[in-house]
Amino acid sequence: MITLVGAGAVGITLASYLAAAGRPLRLYVRAKDRAAFEQAGRLRLERPRGAALEAPLPTLTERLLDADTRYLLIATKFGALDGVIDALGTPPPGLSLVSTLNGVRALPRLGERLPQTPALALTIMFNAQHLGPLHAQLTTKPAVILADGDEQLRSLLEGSGLAVGRSRGEEACWGKLLINLANAIGALTQSTFRDLLSEPDLRRIFAAVLEEAVDRIEAANIAYKLPMPLPHAAYRQLLLRGGPLTWWLARLKNGLDDGAYPSMVSDVRAGRATEVRQLNGEIVALGERLSWPAPLNARLVELVEALELSSPARLSPDELRRQLGL
């Protein structure tokens, strides 16, 4: 049995595919949300091409763990992780924790707080937006990457409609973090993925931010795997010289909708705390450990966190480039 906690865009997407495929699934619900979930009556996932996916409402539970829970699938934001851990108490033997969280801090945090309970990463490679209770919009192909080590979980995911890749350790988490460094650029300029990969100044900014991060990750001997069939050096040249080809290749590979945008854009619009500390801030922290500062990523953290304290004002690509000294 899988119990899923976190019914945001990621959680609804995963739950929709798992429930539609008949996988054993319970959905954790807080008491204050139960009426809205029951009124929704089903899971509904709008998809970029083709009909919406509707799935029966899984059994709702206000307990994180039931007697038969084998996997706790954590699809919250990082800021909610400690609350989930606190609510778990002492996990029973046989439970595995599965983290879908962005960044690379979740697994170490789970290992620190719950050292006796296995934890593994399910890296989310799709983009989705939350539309309402148990209702989300998928804007890419529904791809995930599961770290090696649990073939039973892999068998539950495969054949559900999700495209399930494979990785060793945390290399996929680091690879996705690198791509997610663009989220801050999107949040500051209120840009779609198409903007980020088409507009010359935005591509130049992303190439520089990415290069700064890769240099420090490689200096720290951290294994990473970019979610694309290109090494970093080739992808950097594509960003700098590929023009609109960069966007069209991403669209072909990932099935991106023209209007798809990073989740950090919606966080800023809604006045929510962002994950910039878990993304660009991770590169800043790594630079500090190496005594090799990461000024571009540090400046992005400063700018995004300033937005969290005030009404967001969109920067033009040229303005952001100048703010970063590029």
C-alpha atoms as a PDB file:
ATOM      1  CA  MET A   1       0.000   0.000   0.000  1.00  0.00           C
ATOM      2  CA  ILE A   2       1.182   3.498  -0.890  1.00  0.00           C
ATOM      3  CA  THR A   3       0.107   6.442   1.251  1.00  0.00           C
ATOM      4  CA  LEU A   4       0.619   9.752  -0.520  1.00  0.00           C
ATOM      5  CA  VAL A   5       0.994  12.960   1.485  1.00  0.00           C
ATOM      6  CA  GLY A   6       0.813  16.282  -0.338  1.00  0.00           C
ATOM      7  CA  ALA A   7      -2.078  16.848  -2.737  1.00  0.00           C
ATOM      8  CA  GLY A   8      -0.540  19.710  -4.676  1.00  0.00           C
ATOM      9  CA  ALA A   9       0.254  19.613  -8.383  1.00  0.00           C
ATOM     10  CA  VAL A  10       2.891  16.874  -8.063  1.00  0.00           C
ATOM     11  CA  GLY A  11       0.847  14.759  -5.667  1.00  0.00           C
ATOM     12  CA  ILE A  12      -2.321  14.996  -7.755  1.00  0.00           C
ATOM     13  CA  THR A  13      -0.420  14.015 -10.895  1.00  0.00           C
ATOM     14  CA  LEU A  14       1.129  10.962  -9.253  1.00  0.00           C
ATOM     15  CA  ALA A  15      -2.113   9.976  -7.552  1.00  0.00           C
ATOM     16  CA  SER A  16      -4.076  10.294 -10.804  1.00  0.00           C
ATOM     17  CA  TYR A  17      -1.839   7.869 -12.675  1.00  0.00           C
ATOM     18  CA  LEU A  18      -1.536   5.428  -9.783  1.00  0.00           C
ATOM     19  CA  ALA A  19      -5.260   5.416  -9.020  1.00  0.00           C
ATOM     20  CA  ALA A  20      -6.256   5.113 -12.687  1.00  0.00           C
ATOM     21  CA  ALA A  21      -3.968   2.074 -12.968  1.00  0.00           C
ATOM     22  CA  GLY A  22      -5.542   0.462  -9.912  1.00  0.00           C
ATOM     23  CA  ARG A  23      -2.456   0.656  -7.713  1.00  0.00           C
ATOM     24  CA  PRO A  24      -3.022   0.293  -3.940  1.00  0.00           C
ATOM     25  CA  LEU A  25      -3.190   3.930  -2.848  1.00  0.00           C
ATOM     26  CA  ARG A  26      -4.399   6.007   0.071  1.00  0.00           C
ATOM     27  CA  LEU A  27      -4.413   9.794   0.087  1.00  0.00           C
ATOM     28  CA  TYR A  28      -3.538  11.623   3.285  1.00  0.00           C
ATOM     29  CA  VAL A  29      -5.944  14.464   4.010  1.00  0.00           C
ATOM     30  CA  ARG A  30      -6.020  17.034   6.779  1.00  0.00           C
ATOM     31  CA  ALA A  31      -9.356  17.321   8.552  1.00  0.00           C
ATOM     32  CA  LYS A  32      -9.889  20.838   7.202  1.00  0.00           C
ATOM     33  CA  ASP A  33      -9.491  19.611   3.598  1.00  0.00           C
ATOM     34  CA  ARG A  34     -11.586  16.445   3.779  1.00  0.00           C
ATOM     35  CA  ALA A  35     -14.879  18.070   2.770  1.00  0.00           C
ATOM     36  CA  ALA A  36     -13.304  19.674  -0.320  1.00  0.00           C
ATOM     37  CA  PHE A  37     -11.709  16.374  -1.370  1.00  0.00           C
ATOM     38  CA  GLU A  38     -14.947  14.478  -0.890  1.00  0.00           C
ATOM     39  CA  GLN A  39     -16.861  17.119  -2.821  1.00  0.00           C
ATOM     40  CA  ALA A  40     -14.386  16.835  -5.706  1.00  0.00           C
ATOM     41  CA  GLY A  41     -15.233  13.145  -5.733  1.00  0.00           C
ATOM     42  CA  ARG A  42     -12.438  12.117  -8.070  1.00  0.00           C
ATOM     43  CA  LEU A  43      -8.959  12.985  -9.276  1.00  0.00           C
ATOM     44  CA  ARG A  44      -8.786  15.004 -12.481  1.00  0.00           C
ATOM     45  CA  LEU A  45      -5.612  15.729 -14.436  1.00  0.00           C
ATOM     46  CA  GLU A  46      -5.711  17.950 -17.513  1.00  0.00           C
ATOM     47  CA  ARG A  47      -3.078  16.856 -20.026  1.00  0.00           C
ATOM     48  CA  PRO A  48      -1.259  18.848 -22.726  1.00  0.00           C
ATOM     49  CA  ARG A  49      -2.339  16.609 -25.560  1.00  0.00           C
ATOM     50  CA  GLY A  50      -5.300  14.301 -25.316  1.00  0.00           C
ATOM     51  CA  ALA A  51      -8.205  13.885 -22.957  1.00  0.00           C
ATOM     52  CA  ALA A  52      -8.067  14.672 -19.268  1.00  0.00           C
ATOM     53  CA  LEU A  53      -7.242  11.745 -17.000  1.00  0.00           C
ATOM     54  CA  GLU A  54      -9.941  11.058 -14.422  1.00  0.00           C
ATOM     55  CA  ALA A  55      -9.406   8.537 -11.653  1.00  0.00           C
ATOM     56  CA  PRO A  56     -11.539   7.323  -8.757  1.00  0.00           C
ATOM     57  CA  LEU A  57     -11.005   9.012  -5.430  1.00  0.00           C
ATOM     58  CA  PRO A  58      -8.540   6.948  -3.372  1.00  0.00           C
ATOM     59  CA  THR A  59      -9.372   6.069   0.194  1.00  0.00           C
ATOM     60  CA  LEU A  60      -8.811   9.188   2.288  1.00  0.00           C
ATOM     61  CA  THR A  61      -6.954   8.871   5.570  1.00  0.00           C
ATOM     62  CA  GLU A  62      -6.092  11.341   8.309  1.00  0.00           C
ATOM     63  CA  ARG A  63      -3.289   9.039   9.478  1.00  0.00           C
ATOM     64  CA  LEU A  64       0.080   9.149   7.768  1.00  0.00           C
ATOM     65  CA  LEU A  65       0.566   5.454   8.448  1.00  0.00           C
ATOM     66  CA  ASP A  66      -1.910   2.610   8.410  1.00  0.00           C
ATOM     67  CA  ALA A  67      -1.027  -0.954   9.331  1.00  0.00           C
ATOM     68  CA  ASP A  68      -0.474  -1.974   5.715  1.00  0.00           C
ATOM     69  CA  THR A  69       1.419   1.116   4.528  1.00  0.00           C
ATOM     70  CA  ARG A  70       4.548  -0.045   2.701  1.00  0.00           C
ATOM     71  CA  TYR A  71       5.533   3.277   1.119  1.00  0.00           C
ATOM     72  CA  LEU A  72       4.998   6.826   2.318  1.00  0.00           C
ATOM     73  CA  LEU A  73       5.185   8.951  -0.826  1.00  0.00           C
ATOM     74  CA  ILE A  74       6.070  12.489   0.274  1.00  0.00           C
ATOM     75  CA  ALA A  75       4.962  15.121  -2.237  1.00  0.00           C
ATOM     76  CA  THR A  76       5.000  18.212  -0.026  1.00  0.00           C
ATOM     77  CA  LYS A  77       7.246  21.257  -0.241  1.00  0.00           C
ATOM     78  CA  PHE A  78      10.531  21.097   1.678  1.00  0.00           C
ATOM     79  CA  GLY A  79       9.230  23.504   4.315  1.00  0.00           C
ATOM     80  CA  ALA A  80       6.578  20.958   5.322  1.00  0.00           C
ATOM     81  CA  LEU A  81       8.974  18.012   5.602  1.00  0.00           C
ATOM     82  CA  ASP A  82       9.801  18.342   9.294  1.00  0.00           C
ATOM     83  CA  GLY A  83       6.092  18.492  10.081  1.00  0.00           C
ATOM     84  CA  VAL A  84       5.574  15.210   8.239  1.00  0.00           C
ATOM     85  CA  ILE A  85       8.487  13.636  10.111  1.00  0.00           C
ATOM     86  CA  ASP A  86       7.157  14.875  13.462  1.00  0.00           C
ATOM     87  CA  ALA A  87       3.715  13.444  12.707  1.00  0.00           C
ATOM     88  CA  LEU A  88       5.186  10.039  11.827  1.00  0.00           C
ATOM     89  CA  GLY A  89       6.526   9.367  15.288  1.00  0.00           C
ATOM     90  CA  THR A  90       8.431   6.081  15.226  1.00  0.00           C
ATOM     91  CA  PRO A  91       7.921   4.450  11.816  1.00  0.00           C
ATOM     92  CA  PRO A  92       7.285   0.694  11.859  1.00  0.00           C
ATOM     93  CA  PRO A  93       9.699  -1.823  10.327  1.00  0.00           C
ATOM     94  CA  GLY A  94       9.037  -2.444   6.660  1.00  0.00           C
ATOM     95  CA  LEU A  95       8.167   1.165   5.822  1.00  0.00           C
ATOM     96  CA  SER A  96      10.095   3.020   3.114  1.00  0.00           C
ATOM     97  CA  LEU A  97      10.013   6.786   2.631  1.00  0.00           C
ATOM     98  CA  VAL A  98       9.890   8.076  -0.940  1.00  0.00           C
ATOM     99  CA  SER A  99      10.767  11.734  -1.466  1.00  0.00           C
ATOM    100  CA  THR A 100       9.636  13.692  -4.517  1.00  0.00           C
ATOM    101  CA  LEU A 101      10.959  16.985  -3.157  1.00  0.00           C
ATOM    102  CA  ASN A 102      13.019  19.381  -5.247  1.00  0.00           C
ATOM    103  CA  GLY A 103      16.644  19.940  -4.355  1.00  0.00           C
ATOM    104  CA  VAL A 104      18.981  17.574  -2.540  1.00  0.00           C
ATOM    105  CA  ARG A 105      18.258  18.252   1.133  1.00  0.00           C
ATOM    106  CA  ALA A 106      15.274  15.967   1.677  1.00  0.00           C
ATOM    107  CA  LEU A 107      17.069  12.604   1.779  1.00  0.00           C
ATOM    108  CA  PRO A 108      19.774  13.802   4.203  1.00  0.00           C
ATOM    109  CA  ARG A 109      17.049  15.309   6.393  1.00  0.00           C
ATOM    110  CA  LEU A 110      15.069  12.065   6.404  1.00  0.00           C
ATOM    111  CA  GLY A 111      18.234  10.105   7.184  1.00  0.00           C
ATOM    112  CA  GLU A 112      19.100  12.451  10.031  1.00  0.00           C
ATOM    113  CA  ARG A 113      15.644  12.400  11.617  1.00  0.00           C
ATOM    114  CA  LEU A 114      14.659   8.788  10.834  1.00  0.00           C
ATOM    115  CA  PRO A 115      17.936   6.875  10.522  1.00  0.00           C
ATOM    116  CA  GLN A 116      16.343   3.411  10.806  1.00  0.00           C
ATOM    117  CA  THR A 117      13.872   3.925   7.953  1.00  0.00           C
ATOM    118  CA  PRO A 118      14.984   3.495   4.323  1.00  0.00           C
ATOM    119  CA  ALA A 119      14.493   6.555   2.129  1.00  0.00           C
ATOM    120  CA  LEU A 120      14.902   6.941  -1.604  1.00  0.00           C
ATOM    121  CA  ALA A 121      14.347   9.634  -4.203  1.00  0.00           C
ATOM    122  CA  LEU A 122      11.651   9.758  -6.852  1.00  0.00           C
ATOM    123  CA  THR A 123      12.805  12.665  -8.995  1.00  0.00           C
ATOM    124  CA  ILE A 124       9.928  14.487 -10.661  1.00  0.00           C
ATOM    125  CA  MET A 125      10.704  15.359 -14.266  1.00  0.00           C
ATOM    126  CA  PHE A 126       7.273  16.699 -15.175  1.00  0.00           C
ATOM    127  CA  ASN A 127       5.751  20.145 -14.725  1.00  0.00           C
ATOM    128  CA  ALA A 128       2.240  20.654 -13.412  1.00  0.00           C
ATOM    129  CA  GLN A 129       0.072  23.389 -11.930  1.00  0.00           C
ATOM    130  CA  HIS A 130      -2.502  23.055  -9.170  1.00  0.00           C
ATOM    131  CA  LEU A 131      -5.991  24.091 -10.315  1.00  0.00           C
ATOM    132  CA  GLY A 132      -8.127  23.186  -7.309  1.00  0.00           C
ATOM    133  CA  PRO A 133      -8.919  20.356  -4.895  1.00  0.00           C
ATOM    134  CA  LEU A 134      -7.691  17.120  -6.529  1.00  0.00           C
ATOM    135  CA  HIS A 135      -7.443  18.929  -9.881  1.00  0.00           C
ATOM    136  CA  ALA A 136      -4.182  19.731 -11.679  1.00  0.00           C
ATOM    137  CA  GLN A 137      -2.842  20.637 -15.109  1.00  0.00           C
ATOM    138  CA  LEU A 138       0.043  18.572 -16.490  1.00  0.00           C
ATOM    139  CA  THR A 139       2.106  20.604 -18.972  1.00  0.00           C
ATOM    140  CA  THR A 140       4.758  18.037 -19.952  1.00  0.00           C
ATOM    141  CA  LYS A 141       5.185  14.315 -20.386  1.00  0.00           C
ATOM    142  CA  PRO A 142       4.606  12.488 -17.056  1.00  0.00           C
ATOM    143  CA  ALA A 143       8.200  11.397 -16.443  1.00  0.00           C
ATOM    144  CA  VAL A 144       9.873  10.425 -13.164  1.00  0.00           C
ATOM    145  CA  ILE A 145      13.244   8.923 -12.237  1.00  0.00           C
ATOM    146  CA  LEU A 146      13.465   6.361  -9.439  1.00  0.00           C
ATOM    147  CA  ALA A 147      16.773   5.707  -7.740  1.00  0.00           C
ATOM    148  CA  ASP A 148      17.951   2.098  -7.831  1.00  0.00           C
ATOM    149  CA  GLY A 149      17.248  -0.038  -4.807  1.00  0.00           C
ATOM    150  CA  ASP A 150      13.541  -0.906  -4.679  1.00  0.00           C
ATOM    151  CA  GLU A 151      12.209  -3.038  -7.503  1.00  0.00           C
ATOM    152  CA  GLN A 152       8.831  -3.511  -5.807  1.00  0.00           C
ATOM    153  CA  LEU A 153       8.175   0.223  -5.929  1.00  0.00           C
ATOM    154  CA  ARG A 154       9.427   0.347  -9.506  1.00  0.00           C
ATOM    155  CA  SER A 155       6.904  -2.330 -10.462  1.00  0.00           C
ATOM    156  CA  LEU A 156       4.090  -0.254  -8.933  1.00  0.00           C
ATOM    157  CA  LEU A 157       5.123   2.825 -10.908  1.00  0.00           C
ATOM    158  CA  GLU A 158       5.816   1.130 -14.226  1.00  0.00           C
ATOM    159  CA  GLY A 159       2.776   0.421 -16.346  1.00  0.00           C
ATOM    160  CA  SER A 160       0.799   3.183 -14.636  1.00  0.00           C
ATOM    161  CA  GLY A 161       1.219   5.669 -17.467  1.00  0.00           C
ATOM    162  CA  LEU A 162       4.220   7.313 -15.832  1.00  0.00           C
ATOM    163  CA  ALA A 163       7.502   7.122 -17.758  1.00  0.00           C
ATOM    164  CA  VAL A 164       9.918   5.722 -15.159  1.00  0.00           C
ATOM    165  CA  GLY A 165      13.643   6.269 -15.580  1.00  0.00           C
ATOM    166  CA  ARG A 166      16.480   4.882 -13.470  1.00  0.00           C
ATOM    167  CA  SER A 167      19.375   6.533 -11.652  1.00  0.00           C
ATOM    168  CA  ARG A 168      22.153   5.726  -9.227  1.00  0.00           C
ATOM    169  CA  GLY A 169      22.070   7.410  -5.851  1.00  0.00           C
ATOM    170  CA  GLU A 170      21.289  11.122  -6.015  1.00  0.00           C
ATOM    171  CA  GLU A 171      22.686  11.859  -9.476  1.00  0.00           C
ATOM    172  CA  ALA A 172      19.214  12.573 -10.888  1.00  0.00           C
ATOM    173  CA  CYS A 173      18.400  14.877  -7.958  1.00  0.00           C
ATOM    174  CA  TRP A 174      21.512  16.937  -8.659  1.00  0.00           C
ATOM    175  CA  GLY A 175      20.810  16.924 -12.391  1.00  0.00           C
ATOM    176  CA  LYS A 176      17.296  18.215 -11.863  1.00  0.00           C
ATOM    177  CA  LEU A 177      18.553  20.818  -9.383  1.00  0.00           C
ATOM    178  CA  LEU A 178      20.806  22.187 -12.114  1.00  0.00           C
ATOM    179  CA  ILE A 179      17.894  22.576 -14.515  1.00  0.00           C
ATOM    180  CA  ASN A 180      15.748  24.037 -11.733  1.00  0.00           C
ATOM    181  CA  LEU A 181      18.244  26.867 -11.277  1.00  0.00           C
ATOM    182  CA  ALA A 182      16.289  28.504 -14.104  1.00  0.00           C
ATOM    183  CA  ASN A 183      13.187  28.671 -11.887  1.00  0.00           C
ATOM    184  CA  ALA A 184      14.504  31.757 -10.103  1.00  0.00           C
ATOM    185  CA  ILE A 185      15.128  33.448 -13.447  1.00  0.00           C
ATOM    186  CA  GLY A 186      11.557  32.653 -14.446  1.00  0.00           C
ATOM    187  CA  ALA A 187      10.165  33.937 -11.145  1.00  0.00           C
ATOM    188  CA  LEU A 188      11.993  37.262 -11.396  1.00  0.00           C
ATOM    189  CA  THR A 189      10.983  37.872 -15.007  1.00  0.00           C
ATOM    190  CA  GLN A 190       7.581  36.098 -14.828  1.00  0.00           C
ATOM    191  CA  SER A 191       8.642  33.958 -17.776  1.00  0.00           C
ATOM    192  CA  THR A 192       7.397  30.713 -19.278  1.00  0.00           C
ATOM    193  CA  PHE A 193       9.770  27.887 -20.161  1.00  0.00           C
ATOM    194  CA  ARG A 194       9.455  28.988 -23.764  1.00  0.00           C
ATOM    195  CA  ASP A 195      10.646  32.473 -22.777  1.00  0.00           C
ATOM    196  CA  LEU A 196      13.531  31.040 -20.756  1.00  0.00           C
ATOM    197  CA  LEU A 197      14.776  28.939 -23.659  1.00  0.00           C
ATOM    198  CA  SER A 198      14.050  31.406 -26.480  1.00  0.00           C
ATOM    199  CA  GLU A 199      14.819  34.933 -25.253  1.00  0.00           C
ATOM    200  CA  PRO A 200      18.554  35.666 -25.814  1.00  0.00           C
ATOM    201  CA  ASP A 201      19.216  37.459 -22.508  1.00  0.00           C
ATOM    202  CA  LEU A 202      17.435  34.765 -20.502  1.00  0.00           C
ATOM    203  CA  ARG A 203      19.374  32.001 -22.250  1.00  0.00           C
ATOM    204  CA  ARG A 204      22.618  33.865 -21.573  1.00  0.00           C
ATOM    205  CA  ILE A 205      21.729  34.262 -17.891  1.00  0.00           C
ATOM    206  CA  PHE A 206      20.802  30.601 -17.515  1.00  0.00           C
ATOM    207  CA  ALA A 207      23.995  29.471 -19.243  1.00  0.00           C
ATOM    208  CA  ALA A 208      26.102  31.540 -16.829  1.00  0.00           C
ATOM    209  CA  VAL A 209      24.186  30.437 -13.720  1.00  0.00           C
ATOM    210  CA  LEU A 210      24.391  26.805 -14.832  1.00  0.00           C
ATOM    211  CA  GLU A 211      28.114  27.006 -15.561  1.00  0.00           C
ATOM    212  CA  GLU A 212      28.791  28.489 -12.125  1.00  0.00           C
ATOM    213  CA  ALA A 213      26.892  25.625 -10.505  1.00  0.00           C
ATOM    214  CA  VAL A 214      28.429  22.820 -12.577  1.00  0.00           C
ATOM    215  CA  ASP A 215      31.939  24.100 -11.843  1.00  0.00           C
ATOM    216  CA  ARG A 216      31.327  23.849  -8.111  1.00  0.00           C
ATOM    217  CA  ILE A 217      29.528  20.507  -8.246  1.00  0.00           C
ATOM    218  CA  GLU A 218      32.369  18.994 -10.251  1.00  0.00           C
ATOM    219  CA  ALA A 219      34.952  20.523  -7.898  1.00  0.00           C
ATOM    220  CA  ALA A 220      33.166  18.781  -5.022  1.00  0.00           C
ATOM    221  CA  ASN A 221      33.218  15.444  -6.940  1.00  0.00           C
ATOM    222  CA  ILE A 222      29.427  15.190  -6.785  1.00  0.00           C
ATOM    223  CA  ALA A 223      27.865  12.840  -9.342  1.00  0.00           C
ATOM    224  CA  TYR A 224      25.099  14.413 -11.408  1.00  0.00           C
ATOM    225  CA  LYS A 225      23.145  13.476 -14.492  1.00  0.00           C
ATOM    226  CA  LEU A 226      21.469  16.175 -16.539  1.00  0.00           C
ATOM    227  CA  PRO A 227      17.993  15.131 -17.735  1.00  0.00           C
ATOM    228  CA  MET A 228      18.985  15.332 -21.385  1.00  0.00           C
ATOM    229  CA  PRO A 229      21.159  13.379 -23.843  1.00  0.00           C
ATOM    230  CA  LEU A 230      23.834  16.111 -23.806  1.00  0.00           C
ATOM    231  CA  PRO A 231      26.802  16.797 -21.543  1.00  0.00           C
ATOM    232  CA  HIS A 232      26.894  20.194 -19.880  1.00  0.00           C
ATOM    233  CA  ALA A 233      29.443  21.676 -22.293  1.00  0.00           C
ATOM    234  CA  ALA A 234      27.244  20.872 -25.299  1.00  0.00           C
ATOM    235  CA  TYR A 235      24.093  22.112 -23.573  1.00  0.00           C
ATOM    236  CA  ARG A 236      25.833  25.371 -22.679  1.00  0.00           C
ATOM    237  CA  GLN A 237      26.709  25.925 -26.333  1.00  0.00           C
ATOM    238  CA  LEU A 238      23.115  25.158 -27.284  1.00  0.00           C
ATOM    239  CA  LEU A 239      21.889  27.795 -24.832  1.00  0.00           C
ATOM    240  CA  LEU A 240      24.357  30.385 -26.101  1.00  0.00           C
ATOM    241  CA  ARG A 241      24.195  29.685 -29.823  1.00  0.00           C
ATOM    242  CA  GLY A 242      21.145  27.529 -30.492  1.00  0.00           C
ATOM    243  CA  GLY A 243      18.581  30.304 -30.761  1.00  0.00           C
ATOM    244  CA  PRO A 244      14.983  28.993 -30.733  1.00  0.00           C
ATOM    245  CA  LEU A 245      16.279  25.467 -31.371  1.00  0.00           C
ATOM    246  CA  THR A 246      16.847  25.174 -27.603  1.00  0.00           C
ATOM    247  CA  TRP A 247      13.133  25.567 -26.976  1.00  0.00           C
ATOM    248  CA  TRP A 248      12.029  23.264 -29.764  1.00  0.00           C
ATOM    249  CA  LEU A 249      14.333  20.473 -28.604  1.00  0.00           C
ATOM    250  CA  ALA A 250      13.035  20.803 -25.035  1.00  0.00           C
ATOM    251  CA  ARG A 251       9.471  20.772 -26.328  1.00  0.00           C
ATOM    252  CA  LEU A 252      10.144  17.660 -28.398  1.00  0.00           C
ATOM    253  CA  LYS A 253      11.821  15.791 -25.530  1.00  0.00           C
ATOM    254  CA  ASN A 254       9.554  16.833 -22.664  1.00  0.00           C
ATOM    255  CA  GLY A 255       6.269  17.612 -24.392  1.00  0.00           C
ATOM    256  CA  LEU A 256       6.241  21.109 -22.888  1.00  0.00           C
ATOM    257  CA  ASP A 257       3.170  23.254 -23.429  1.00  0.00           C
ATOM    258  CA  ASP A 258       3.816  26.725 -24.826  1.00  0.00           C
ATOM    259  CA  GLY A 259       2.387  28.313 -21.684  1.00  0.00           C
ATOM    260  CA  ALA A 260       4.116  26.076 -19.121  1.00  0.00           C
ATOM    261  CA  TYR A 261       6.031  27.934 -16.431  1.00  0.00           C
ATOM    262  CA  PRO A 262       8.171  27.077 -13.381  1.00  0.00           C
ATOM    263  CA  SER A 263       6.290  26.509 -10.127  1.00  0.00           C
ATOM    264  CA  MET A 264       8.313  29.326  -8.552  1.00  0.00           C
ATOM    265  CA  VAL A 265       6.464  31.745 -10.836  1.00  0.00           C
ATOM    266  CA  SER A 266       3.136  30.758  -9.286  1.00  0.00           C
ATOM    267  CA  ASP A 267       4.663  30.809  -5.783  1.00  0.00           C
ATOM    268  CA  VAL A 268       5.715  34.435  -6.281  1.00  0.00           C
ATOM    269  CA  ARG A 269       2.350  35.402  -7.767  1.00  0.00           C
ATOM    270  CA  ALA A 270       0.536  33.844  -4.818  1.00  0.00           C
ATOM    271  CA  GLY A 271       2.843  35.349  -2.195  1.00  0.00           C
ATOM    272  CA  ARG A 272       4.072  31.930  -1.045  1.00  0.00           C
ATOM    273  CA  ALA A 273       7.569  31.146   0.167  1.00  0.00           C
ATOM    274  CA  THR A 274       9.680  29.771  -2.681  1.00  0.00           C
ATOM    275  CA  GLU A 275      12.209  26.943  -2.828  1.00  0.00           C
ATOM    276  CA  VAL A 276      15.030  29.205  -3.978  1.00  0.00           C
ATOM    277  CA  ARG A 277      17.096  28.279  -0.881  1.00  0.00           C
ATOM    278  CA  GLN A 278      16.798  24.591  -1.775  1.00  0.00           C
ATOM    279  CA  LEU A 279      17.801  25.246  -5.401  1.00  0.00           C
ATOM    280  CA  ASN A 280      20.124  28.188  -6.097  1.00  0.00           C
ATOM    281  CA  GLY A 281      20.873  28.393  -2.381  1.00  0.00           C
ATOM    282  CA  GLU A 282      22.295  24.871  -2.488  1.00  0.00           C
ATOM    283  CA  ILE A 283      24.930  26.049  -4.964  1.00  0.00           C
ATOM    284  CA  VAL A 284      25.699  29.037  -2.749  1.00  0.00           C
ATOM    285  CA  ALA A 285      26.159  26.741   0.258  1.00  0.00           C
ATOM    286  CA  LEU A 286      28.344  24.387  -1.768  1.00  0.00           C
ATOM    287  CA  GLY A 287      30.496  27.319  -2.869  1.00  0.00           C
ATOM    288  CA  GLU A 288      30.918  28.357   0.750  1.00  0.00           C
ATOM    289  CA  ARG A 289      32.071  24.858   1.711  1.00  0.00           C
ATOM    290  CA  LEU A 290      34.592  24.958  -1.131  1.00  0.00           C
ATOM    291  CA  SER A 291      35.697  28.538  -0.343  1.00  0.00           C
ATOM    292  CA  TRP A 292      34.686  29.303  -3.920  1.00  0.00           C
ATOM    293  CA  PRO A 293      31.746  31.734  -3.889  1.00  0.00           C
ATOM    294  CA  ALA A 294      28.846  31.427  -6.342  1.00  0.00           C
ATOM    295  CA  PRO A 295      27.898  35.100  -6.821  1.00  0.00           C
ATOM    296  CA  LEU A 296      25.342  34.661  -9.613  1.00  0.00           C
ATOM    297  CA  ASN A 297      23.293  32.124  -7.694  1.00  0.00           C
ATOM    298  CA  ALA A 298      23.706  34.149  -4.498  1.00  0.00           C
ATOM    299  CA  ARG A 299      22.301  37.235  -6.217  1.00  0.00           C
ATOM    300  CA  LEU A 300      19.340  35.252  -7.559  1.00  0.00           C
ATOM    301  CA  VAL A 301      18.577  34.070  -4.020  1.00  0.00           C
ATOM    302  CA  GLU A 302      18.673  37.671  -2.775  1.00  0.00           C
ATOM    303  CA  LEU A 303      16.403  38.938  -5.536  1.00  0.00           C
ATOM    304  CA  VAL A 304      13.816  36.169  -5.169  1.00  0.00           C
ATOM    305  CA  GLU A 305      13.722  36.469  -1.385  1.00  0.00           C
ATOM    306  CA  ALA A 306      13.188  40.219  -1.755  1.00  0.00           C
ATOM    307  CA  LEU A 307      10.131  39.402  -3.891  1.00  0.00           C
ATOM    308  CA  GLU A 308       8.751  37.260  -1.082  1.00  0.00           C
ATOM    309  CA  LEU A 309       8.631  40.362   1.136  1.00  0.00           C
ATOM    310  CA  SER A 310       6.990  42.760  -1.320  1.00  0.00           C
ATOM    311  CA  SER A 311       4.613  42.930  -4.247  1.00  0.00           C
ATOM    312  CA  PRO A 312       6.373  41.229  -7.149  1.00  0.00           C
ATOM    313  CA  ALA A 313       7.566  43.565  -9.879  1.00  0.00           C
ATOM    314  CA  ARG A 314       8.611  41.878 -13.090  1.00  0.00           C
ATOM    315  CA  LEU A 315      12.187  42.472 -14.231  1.00  0.00           C
ATOM    316  CA  SER A 316      12.870  42.584 -17.936  1.00  0.00           C
ATOM    317  CA  PRO A 317      15.490  40.112 -19.196  1.00  0.00           C
ATOM    318  CA  ASP A 318      17.874  43.013 -19.824  1.00  0.00           C
ATOM    319  CA  GLU A 319      17.327  44.390 -16.305  1.00  0.00           C
ATOM    320  CA  LEU A 320      18.006  41.013 -14.714  1.00  0.00           C
ATOM    321  CA  ARG A 321      21.136  40.528 -16.806  1.00  0.00           C
ATOM    322  CA  ARG A 322      22.442  43.897 -15.596  1.00  0.00           C
ATOM    323  CA  GLN A 323      21.496  43.080 -11.980  1.00  0.00           C
ATOM    324  CA  LEU A 324      23.697  39.991 -12.282  1.00  0.00           C
ATOM    325  CA  GLY A 325      26.577  41.889 -13.872  1.00  0.00           C
ATOM    326  CA  LEU A 326      26.450  39.929 -17.120  1.00  0.00           C
END
